Structures are given as structure tokens and as C-alpha cells.
Amino acid sequence: MMDVGDVPIYLRPVFTDGRKAIDGLVGVIQEQMKMDVLQGGLFIFCSKAKTSIKCILWDGTGFWNIQKKLVGYTFAWPRDEREVMRITSQQLGQLLDGIDVFRKFVPWADVKIS
């Protein structure tokens, strides 16, 4: 599991062009997410195919660009139109392990009592 300590984790629920590099993703953070990347945080983006995620992290002297690409699988990604979603480090670990932390489970949703 990836441990980011006390760094706030921000996820962009809508898909992001997977071809974007650091400068393009920093532009998305500033212009579309309306956040200041230099204030700190781990920013997570998912490609349209949901096979890769990219993370941007400012460490005070430069940007880290971390990427994970799955082979044969896809990431569980939220179906939300918001520009920013804050998640916990536990949710990040589950996301990286392939667990869908965004889908709400309602145990009796499909049960019909006659």
C-alpha cells in the first residue's frame, strides 16, 4: 500500500487525457480543479480507458509524476462530475489494490418483500 503520510489526497473524478505530462496536469489542477498545486497535496488523475492513473506531487523543490498502468484490469473510478474529490490514504491504497471504494453498497436494495 502506498503511504503518503499526512499529505492531502485529491482525486479528479472525471477522466483526464492520459497523454498529459507534468505541465499539462499542473494546468488541469490550476485551471479546472481551481487549486494551488504549490500548497501541497497528491493529485490523482485517471485515463479514459481506466487502465492508468497519474499522480502529481509537489515536494517543495519540484514535481513528482507517479504513474501506475494496469495490465488486463481497470481501475475502479468514481462516476462523478465534480472537479475535485478528497480521499484518505486508506482509500488510495484500496484504489491501487483494485478495490472499488466509490460504489455504495446497499445490502437490501434489490430485495422485494411480498
N, C-alpha and C. Protein backbone atom coordinates (compact mmCIF):
# COMPACT_ATOMS: atom_id res chain seq x y z
N MET A 1 0.84 -1.17 0.00
CA MET A 1 0.00 0.00 0.00
C MET A 1 0.88 1.24 0.00
N MET A 2 0.46 2.25 -0.73
CA MET A 2 1.23 3.49 -0.82
C MET A 2 0.90 4.36 0.39
N ASP A 3 1.91 4.78 1.15
CA ASP A 3 1.69 5.62 2.32
C ASP A 3 2.20 7.02 2.01
N VAL A 4 1.29 7.99 2.05
CA VAL A 4 1.67 9.37 1.74
C VAL A 4 1.68 10.23 2.99
N GLY A 5 1.57 9.60 4.16
CA GLY A 5 1.61 10.35 5.41
C GLY A 5 0.41 11.26 5.56
N ASP A 6 0.70 12.52 5.95
CA ASP A 6 -0.36 13.49 6.19
C ASP A 6 -0.67 14.36 4.97
N VAL A 7 -0.13 14.00 3.83
CA VAL A 7 -0.36 14.80 2.62
C VAL A 7 -1.82 14.64 2.19
N PRO A 8 -2.53 15.76 1.96
CA PRO A 8 -3.91 15.64 1.47
C PRO A 8 -3.93 15.02 0.07
N ILE A 9 -4.94 14.18 -0.18
CA ILE A 9 -5.03 13.47 -1.46
C ILE A 9 -6.28 13.94 -2.19
N TYR A 10 -6.07 14.46 -3.40
CA TYR A 10 -7.16 14.97 -4.22
C TYR A 10 -7.28 14.14 -5.49
N LEU A 11 -8.48 13.75 -5.80
CA LEU A 11 -8.73 12.92 -6.96
C LEU A 11 -9.63 13.70 -7.91
N ARG A 12 -9.36 13.61 -9.18
CA ARG A 12 -10.22 14.22 -10.18
C ARG A 12 -11.12 13.13 -10.75
N PRO A 13 -12.42 13.13 -10.39
CA PRO A 13 -13.32 12.04 -10.80
C PRO A 13 -13.53 11.91 -12.30
N VAL A 14 -13.51 13.02 -13.03
CA VAL A 14 -13.70 12.91 -14.48
C VAL A 14 -12.40 12.45 -15.11
N PHE A 15 -12.47 11.88 -16.28
CA PHE A 15 -11.28 11.35 -16.94
C PHE A 15 -10.39 12.48 -17.44
N THR A 16 -9.09 12.22 -17.45
CA THR A 16 -8.09 13.18 -17.90
C THR A 16 -7.30 12.55 -19.04
N ASP A 17 -6.94 13.35 -20.00
CA ASP A 17 -6.16 12.88 -21.14
C ASP A 17 -4.88 12.21 -20.62
N GLY A 18 -4.72 10.94 -20.87
CA GLY A 18 -3.60 10.17 -20.38
C GLY A 18 -2.26 10.56 -21.00
N ARG A 19 -2.30 11.37 -22.05
CA ARG A 19 -1.05 11.81 -22.69
C ARG A 19 -0.43 13.01 -21.99
N LYS A 20 -1.15 13.62 -21.07
CA LYS A 20 -0.63 14.81 -20.39
C LYS A 20 0.55 14.45 -19.49
N ALA A 21 1.55 15.30 -19.51
CA ALA A 21 2.71 15.14 -18.65
C ALA A 21 2.58 16.12 -17.48
N ILE A 22 3.66 16.39 -16.78
CA ILE A 22 3.61 17.23 -15.59
C ILE A 22 2.99 18.60 -15.86
N ASP A 23 3.48 19.32 -16.86
CA ASP A 23 2.97 20.66 -17.12
C ASP A 23 1.48 20.66 -17.46
N GLY A 24 1.04 19.69 -18.23
CA GLY A 24 -0.37 19.60 -18.59
C GLY A 24 -1.24 19.29 -17.38
N LEU A 25 -0.79 18.40 -16.51
CA LEU A 25 -1.55 18.04 -15.32
C LEU A 25 -1.57 19.19 -14.30
N VAL A 26 -0.46 19.91 -14.18
CA VAL A 26 -0.44 21.08 -13.30
C VAL A 26 -1.43 22.12 -13.82
N GLY A 27 -1.53 22.26 -15.14
CA GLY A 27 -2.52 23.16 -15.72
C GLY A 27 -3.94 22.75 -15.38
N VAL A 28 -4.22 21.45 -15.41
CA VAL A 28 -5.55 20.95 -15.04
C VAL A 28 -5.84 21.26 -13.57
N ILE A 29 -4.84 21.07 -12.71
CA ILE A 29 -5.01 21.34 -11.28
C ILE A 29 -5.36 22.82 -11.06
N GLN A 30 -4.64 23.71 -11.73
CA GLN A 30 -4.84 25.13 -11.51
C GLN A 30 -6.09 25.67 -12.21
N GLU A 31 -6.31 25.28 -13.45
CA GLU A 31 -7.38 25.88 -14.24
C GLU A 31 -8.73 25.19 -14.06
N GLN A 32 -8.76 23.87 -14.01
CA GLN A 32 -10.03 23.16 -13.94
C GLN A 32 -10.41 22.79 -12.51
N MET A 33 -9.42 22.36 -11.74
CA MET A 33 -9.71 21.99 -10.35
C MET A 33 -9.70 23.22 -9.44
N LYS A 34 -9.17 24.33 -9.93
CA LYS A 34 -9.11 25.60 -9.19
C LYS A 34 -8.36 25.46 -7.87
N MET A 35 -7.22 24.78 -7.93
CA MET A 35 -6.41 24.57 -6.74
C MET A 35 -4.98 25.04 -6.98
N ASP A 36 -4.29 25.38 -5.90
CA ASP A 36 -2.89 25.79 -5.98
C ASP A 36 -2.02 24.58 -5.68
N VAL A 37 -1.40 24.05 -6.71
CA VAL A 37 -0.59 22.84 -6.57
C VAL A 37 0.60 23.05 -5.63
N LEU A 38 1.07 24.29 -5.49
CA LEU A 38 2.22 24.58 -4.64
C LEU A 38 1.87 24.58 -3.15
N GLN A 39 0.57 24.51 -2.82
CA GLN A 39 0.15 24.42 -1.42
C GLN A 39 0.29 23.00 -0.89
N GLY A 40 0.58 22.08 -1.77
CA GLY A 40 0.81 20.70 -1.34
C GLY A 40 -0.39 19.81 -1.61
N GLY A 41 -0.10 18.55 -1.68
CA GLY A 41 -1.13 17.57 -1.92
C GLY A 41 -0.71 16.60 -3.02
N LEU A 42 -1.35 15.46 -3.01
CA LEU A 42 -1.16 14.46 -4.04
C LEU A 42 -2.40 14.52 -4.91
N PHE A 43 -2.22 14.77 -6.20
CA PHE A 43 -3.32 14.93 -7.14
C PHE A 43 -3.35 13.72 -8.06
N ILE A 44 -4.52 13.07 -8.15
CA ILE A 44 -4.62 11.81 -8.89
C ILE A 44 -5.57 11.96 -10.07
N PHE A 45 -5.14 11.43 -11.23
CA PHE A 45 -5.89 11.51 -12.47
C PHE A 45 -5.99 10.12 -13.09
N CYS A 46 -7.09 9.86 -13.81
CA CYS A 46 -7.27 8.56 -14.46
C CYS A 46 -7.51 8.77 -15.95
N SER A 47 -6.94 7.87 -16.76
CA SER A 47 -7.15 7.93 -18.20
C SER A 47 -8.56 7.45 -18.54
N LYS A 48 -9.02 7.77 -19.73
CA LYS A 48 -10.38 7.40 -20.15
C LYS A 48 -10.57 5.88 -20.16
N ALA A 49 -9.55 5.15 -20.53
CA ALA A 49 -9.64 3.68 -20.57
C ALA A 49 -9.60 3.06 -19.17
N LYS A 50 -9.29 3.85 -18.16
CA LYS A 50 -9.19 3.43 -16.76
C LYS A 50 -8.10 2.38 -16.53
N THR A 51 -7.12 2.34 -17.41
CA THR A 51 -6.02 1.39 -17.24
C THR A 51 -4.79 2.04 -16.59
N SER A 52 -4.76 3.36 -16.51
CA SER A 52 -3.62 4.00 -15.87
C SER A 52 -4.06 5.23 -15.07
N ILE A 53 -3.33 5.45 -14.00
CA ILE A 53 -3.52 6.67 -13.22
C ILE A 53 -2.18 7.38 -13.14
N LYS A 54 -2.27 8.70 -13.04
CA LYS A 54 -1.08 9.52 -12.85
C LYS A 54 -1.29 10.37 -11.61
N CYS A 55 -0.20 10.55 -10.87
CA CYS A 55 -0.24 11.34 -9.65
C CYS A 55 0.81 12.45 -9.75
N ILE A 56 0.44 13.63 -9.30
CA ILE A 56 1.35 14.77 -9.25
C ILE A 56 1.53 15.17 -7.79
N LEU A 57 2.77 15.37 -7.40
CA LEU A 57 3.08 15.76 -6.03
C LEU A 57 4.18 16.82 -6.06
N TRP A 58 3.95 17.94 -5.38
CA TRP A 58 4.96 18.99 -5.24
C TRP A 58 5.70 18.74 -3.93
N ASP A 59 7.05 18.65 -3.98
CA ASP A 59 7.81 18.36 -2.76
C ASP A 59 8.55 19.58 -2.22
N GLY A 60 8.27 20.75 -2.79
CA GLY A 60 8.92 21.98 -2.33
C GLY A 60 10.02 22.44 -3.26
N THR A 61 10.59 21.52 -4.04
CA THR A 61 11.64 21.90 -4.99
C THR A 61 11.29 21.50 -6.42
N GLY A 62 10.33 20.63 -6.57
CA GLY A 62 9.95 20.17 -7.90
C GLY A 62 8.75 19.24 -7.83
N PHE A 63 8.33 18.79 -9.01
CA PHE A 63 7.15 17.93 -9.11
C PHE A 63 7.56 16.48 -9.28
N TRP A 64 6.82 15.62 -8.63
CA TRP A 64 6.91 14.18 -8.85
C TRP A 64 5.74 13.79 -9.74
N ASN A 65 6.00 12.95 -10.71
CA ASN A 65 4.95 12.40 -11.57
C ASN A 65 5.02 10.89 -11.41
N ILE A 66 4.02 10.34 -10.75
CA ILE A 66 3.98 8.91 -10.46
C ILE A 66 2.87 8.29 -11.30
N GLN A 67 3.15 7.18 -11.96
CA GLN A 67 2.15 6.56 -12.82
C GLN A 67 2.06 5.07 -12.52
N LYS A 68 0.83 4.56 -12.57
CA LYS A 68 0.62 3.11 -12.48
C LYS A 68 -0.27 2.70 -13.63
N LYS A 69 0.18 1.71 -14.39
CA LYS A 69 -0.59 1.19 -15.52
C LYS A 69 -0.89 -0.27 -15.25
N LEU A 70 -2.17 -0.61 -15.34
CA LEU A 70 -2.60 -1.99 -15.12
C LEU A 70 -2.56 -2.77 -16.43
N VAL A 71 -2.29 -4.04 -16.33
CA VAL A 71 -2.30 -4.93 -17.49
C VAL A 71 -3.42 -5.94 -17.27
N GLY A 72 -4.42 -5.89 -18.14
CA GLY A 72 -5.53 -6.82 -18.06
C GLY A 72 -6.64 -6.42 -17.11
N TYR A 73 -6.52 -5.30 -16.45
CA TYR A 73 -7.51 -4.85 -15.48
C TYR A 73 -7.76 -3.36 -15.67
N THR A 74 -8.79 -2.84 -15.00
CA THR A 74 -9.05 -1.41 -14.99
C THR A 74 -9.23 -0.94 -13.54
N PHE A 75 -8.98 0.34 -13.32
CA PHE A 75 -9.18 0.93 -12.01
C PHE A 75 -10.66 1.19 -11.78
N ALA A 76 -11.11 0.99 -10.56
CA ALA A 76 -12.45 1.43 -10.17
C ALA A 76 -12.35 2.94 -10.01
N TRP A 77 -13.15 3.66 -10.75
CA TRP A 77 -13.06 5.13 -10.73
C TRP A 77 -14.45 5.69 -10.48
N PRO A 78 -14.55 6.75 -9.67
CA PRO A 78 -15.87 7.28 -9.34
C PRO A 78 -16.60 7.84 -10.57
N ARG A 79 -17.91 7.66 -10.57
CA ARG A 79 -18.75 8.23 -11.63
C ARG A 79 -19.35 9.50 -11.06
N ASP A 80 -18.60 10.57 -11.15
CA ASP A 80 -18.98 11.82 -10.52
C ASP A 80 -18.54 12.96 -11.43
N GLU A 81 -19.32 14.01 -11.51
CA GLU A 81 -18.97 15.14 -12.37
C GLU A 81 -18.25 16.25 -11.63
N ARG A 82 -17.98 16.05 -10.34
CA ARG A 82 -17.23 17.08 -9.60
C ARG A 82 -15.81 17.18 -10.15
N GLU A 83 -15.21 18.33 -9.96
CA GLU A 83 -13.83 18.52 -10.41
C GLU A 83 -12.81 18.00 -9.40
N VAL A 84 -13.18 17.96 -8.12
CA VAL A 84 -12.25 17.54 -7.08
C VAL A 84 -12.97 16.67 -6.06
N MET A 85 -12.30 15.61 -5.64
CA MET A 85 -12.82 14.75 -4.58
C MET A 85 -11.63 14.47 -3.66
N ARG A 86 -11.83 14.65 -2.37
CA ARG A 86 -10.75 14.36 -1.42
C ARG A 86 -10.93 12.94 -0.90
N ILE A 87 -9.83 12.17 -0.88
CA ILE A 87 -9.88 10.80 -0.39
C ILE A 87 -8.82 10.61 0.69
N THR A 88 -8.95 9.53 1.44
CA THR A 88 -7.99 9.22 2.50
C THR A 88 -6.86 8.35 1.95
N SER A 89 -5.80 8.22 2.72
CA SER A 89 -4.70 7.36 2.29
C SER A 89 -5.15 5.89 2.25
N GLN A 90 -6.09 5.51 3.13
CA GLN A 90 -6.62 4.16 3.11
C GLN A 90 -7.39 3.91 1.81
N GLN A 91 -8.21 4.88 1.39
CA GLN A 91 -8.94 4.75 0.13
C GLN A 91 -7.98 4.68 -1.05
N LEU A 92 -6.90 5.45 -0.99
CA LEU A 92 -5.89 5.40 -2.06
C LEU A 92 -5.28 4.01 -2.15
N GLY A 93 -4.93 3.43 -1.02
CA GLY A 93 -4.36 2.08 -1.01
C GLY A 93 -5.33 1.07 -1.59
N GLN A 94 -6.60 1.19 -1.22
CA GLN A 94 -7.61 0.27 -1.75
C GLN A 94 -7.78 0.47 -3.25
N LEU A 95 -7.79 1.71 -3.69
CA LEU A 95 -7.91 2.01 -5.12
C LEU A 95 -6.76 1.37 -5.90
N LEU A 96 -5.55 1.50 -5.38
CA LEU A 96 -4.37 0.92 -6.05
C LEU A 96 -4.40 -0.60 -6.02
N ASP A 97 -5.09 -1.17 -5.03
CA ASP A 97 -5.23 -2.63 -4.94
C ASP A 97 -6.40 -3.18 -5.75
N GLY A 98 -7.15 -2.28 -6.40
CA GLY A 98 -8.26 -2.72 -7.25
C GLY A 98 -9.61 -2.76 -6.58
N ILE A 99 -9.73 -2.24 -5.39
CA ILE A 99 -11.00 -2.25 -4.67
C ILE A 99 -11.79 -0.99 -5.04
N ASP A 100 -13.09 -1.18 -5.31
CA ASP A 100 -13.96 -0.05 -5.66
C ASP A 100 -14.46 0.60 -4.37
N VAL A 101 -13.80 1.67 -3.96
CA VAL A 101 -14.17 2.36 -2.73
C VAL A 101 -15.24 3.42 -2.97
N PHE A 102 -15.63 3.62 -4.22
CA PHE A 102 -16.56 4.69 -4.55
C PHE A 102 -18.00 4.22 -4.69
N ARG A 103 -18.20 2.93 -4.88
CA ARG A 103 -19.54 2.40 -5.05
C ARG A 103 -20.16 2.12 -3.69
N LYS A 104 -21.33 2.64 -3.48
CA LYS A 104 -22.02 2.46 -2.21
C LYS A 104 -22.77 1.13 -2.24
N PHE A 105 -22.58 0.33 -1.22
CA PHE A 105 -23.26 -0.95 -1.10
C PHE A 105 -24.51 -0.77 -0.25
N VAL A 106 -25.65 -1.12 -0.80
CA VAL A 106 -26.91 -1.09 -0.08
C VAL A 106 -27.38 -2.54 0.01
N PRO A 107 -27.27 -3.17 1.18
CA PRO A 107 -27.48 -4.62 1.27
C PRO A 107 -28.87 -5.10 0.88
N TRP A 108 -29.89 -4.30 1.06
CA TRP A 108 -31.24 -4.77 0.76
C TRP A 108 -31.84 -4.04 -0.42
N ALA A 109 -31.05 -3.44 -1.28
CA ALA A 109 -31.56 -2.62 -2.37
C ALA A 109 -32.38 -3.42 -3.38
N ASP A 110 -32.01 -4.65 -3.68
CA ASP A 110 -32.68 -5.43 -4.71
C ASP A 110 -33.67 -6.46 -4.15
N VAL A 111 -33.88 -6.44 -2.85
CA VAL A 111 -34.77 -7.42 -2.23
C VAL A 111 -36.20 -6.88 -2.24
N LYS A 112 -37.11 -7.70 -2.73
CA LYS A 112 -38.53 -7.32 -2.75
C LYS A 112 -39.27 -8.24 -1.78
N ILE A 113 -39.96 -7.65 -0.86
CA ILE A 113 -40.73 -8.41 0.12
C ILE A 113 -42.19 -8.41 -0.32
N SER A 114 -42.77 -9.60 -0.45
CA SER A 114 -44.16 -9.67 -0.90
C SER A 114 -45.11 -9.99 0.22
